[in-house]
Structures are given as C-alpha cells and as structure tokens.
C-alpha cells in the first residue's frame, strides 16, 4: 500500500493551525523552547502550502495543455464537448 503526498494533504495542512495554538499557549506560559518549535511548525506549513499550490498549478497547466478544463474540487480535468 502506497500513500501519495496528496492523500495526506489535509493532515499536512493542519500543521498551521496547530502551530498557532501552540504559539498562543507557549506565549502565555512563557516557554521559549515551545515558541521556537511553533515557529518552526509555521515555517514548515508555509513550505507545505507553497508546495501544494505549485502542484495544483502544474495540474491546472497540464489540463489546459490538453485542451480541457481543470476542476479544483475533484482535482481532475474535465473535457468539454
């Protein structure tokens, strides 16, 4: 059984809100190491979001090159007649 990166996309995108919540908790408790960890999580989430946006753009471009229309909700190409 193989797992594609797009299959775990929702899990990877939860890094951002979890990092924000950890940051709020760490600032309230004055835990510097936890603040640094949450900042690392936020930076990681930015890279993940950029990567998924790039993959979505590449799929969109491939659909256009085939003369089809891209459906972002289903992440597939639709051929119009």
Protein backbone atom coordinates (compact mmCIF):
# COMPACT_ATOMS: atom_id res chain seq x y z
CA UNK A 1 0.00 0.00 0.00
CA UNK A 2 1.48 3.32 -1.06
CA UNK A 3 0.48 6.72 0.22
CA UNK A 4 0.72 9.69 -2.11
CA UNK A 5 1.54 13.15 -0.83
CA UNK A 6 -1.87 14.38 -1.94
CA UNK A 7 -3.53 11.70 0.22
CA UNK A 8 -2.06 13.21 3.37
CA UNK A 9 -2.65 16.81 2.31
CA UNK A 10 -5.32 17.51 4.97
CA UNK A 11 -3.02 16.17 7.66
CA UNK A 12 -0.12 18.31 6.49
CA UNK A 13 -2.31 21.41 6.30
CA UNK A 14 -3.29 21.03 9.97
CA UNK A 15 0.28 21.96 10.92
CA UNK A 16 -0.51 25.69 10.54
CA UNK A 17 -3.46 26.00 12.96
CA UNK A 18 -1.83 23.63 15.48
CA UNK A 19 1.32 25.75 15.39
CA UNK A 20 -0.68 28.90 16.06
CA UNK A 21 -2.43 27.30 19.01
CA UNK A 22 0.88 26.04 20.40
CA UNK A 23 2.33 29.53 19.95
CA UNK A 24 -0.51 31.09 21.95
CA UNK A 25 -0.09 28.52 24.70
CA UNK A 26 3.70 28.94 24.76
CA UNK A 27 3.48 32.73 24.95
CA UNK A 28 1.01 32.51 27.81
CA UNK A 29 3.24 30.08 29.73
CA UNK A 30 6.47 31.86 28.69
CA UNK A 31 8.04 28.70 27.28
CA UNK A 32 10.71 29.92 24.86
CA UNK A 33 11.56 26.45 23.53
CA UNK A 34 7.91 25.85 22.68
CA UNK A 35 7.69 29.22 20.93
CA UNK A 36 10.67 28.23 18.77
CA UNK A 37 9.09 24.87 18.00
CA UNK A 38 5.81 26.50 16.96
CA UNK A 39 7.69 28.98 14.75
CA UNK A 40 9.40 26.03 13.08
CA UNK A 41 5.98 24.47 12.52
CA UNK A 42 4.70 27.70 10.96
CA UNK A 43 7.67 27.90 8.59
CA UNK A 44 7.17 24.25 7.66
CA UNK A 45 3.48 24.88 6.98
CA UNK A 46 4.34 27.79 4.66
CA UNK A 47 6.57 25.48 2.61
CA UNK A 48 3.85 22.80 2.53
CA UNK A 49 1.25 25.32 1.35
CA UNK A 50 3.60 26.60 -1.38
CA UNK A 51 4.31 23.04 -2.50
CA UNK A 52 0.62 22.17 -2.77
CA UNK A 53 -0.13 25.40 -4.60
CA UNK A 54 2.65 24.61 -7.08
CA UNK A 55 1.33 21.07 -7.62
CA UNK A 56 -2.17 22.44 -8.15
CA UNK A 57 -0.85 24.98 -10.67
CA UNK A 58 1.07 22.26 -12.56
CA UNK A 59 -2.09 20.13 -12.76
CA UNK A 60 -4.06 23.15 -13.97
CA UNK A 61 -1.43 23.83 -16.64
CA UNK A 62 -1.48 20.19 -17.78
CA UNK A 63 -5.25 20.31 -18.17
CA UNK A 64 -5.02 23.47 -20.27
CA UNK A 65 -2.32 21.95 -22.48
CA UNK A 66 -4.67 19.01 -23.18
CA UNK A 67 -7.48 21.39 -24.09
CA UNK A 68 -9.51 20.54 -21.02
CA UNK A 69 -10.85 22.50 -18.06
CA UNK A 70 -9.50 21.99 -14.56
CA UNK A 71 -11.89 21.13 -11.72
CA UNK A 72 -10.10 22.03 -8.45
CA UNK A 73 -12.72 20.40 -6.23
CA UNK A 74 -12.16 16.97 -7.78
CA UNK A 75 -8.54 17.67 -8.74
CA UNK A 76 -9.18 16.40 -12.25
CA UNK A 77 -9.55 17.58 -15.83
CA UNK A 78 -12.95 17.92 -17.47
CA UNK A 79 -13.27 17.61 -21.21
CA UNK A 80 -15.84 19.95 -22.71
CA UNK A 81 -17.55 18.95 -25.94
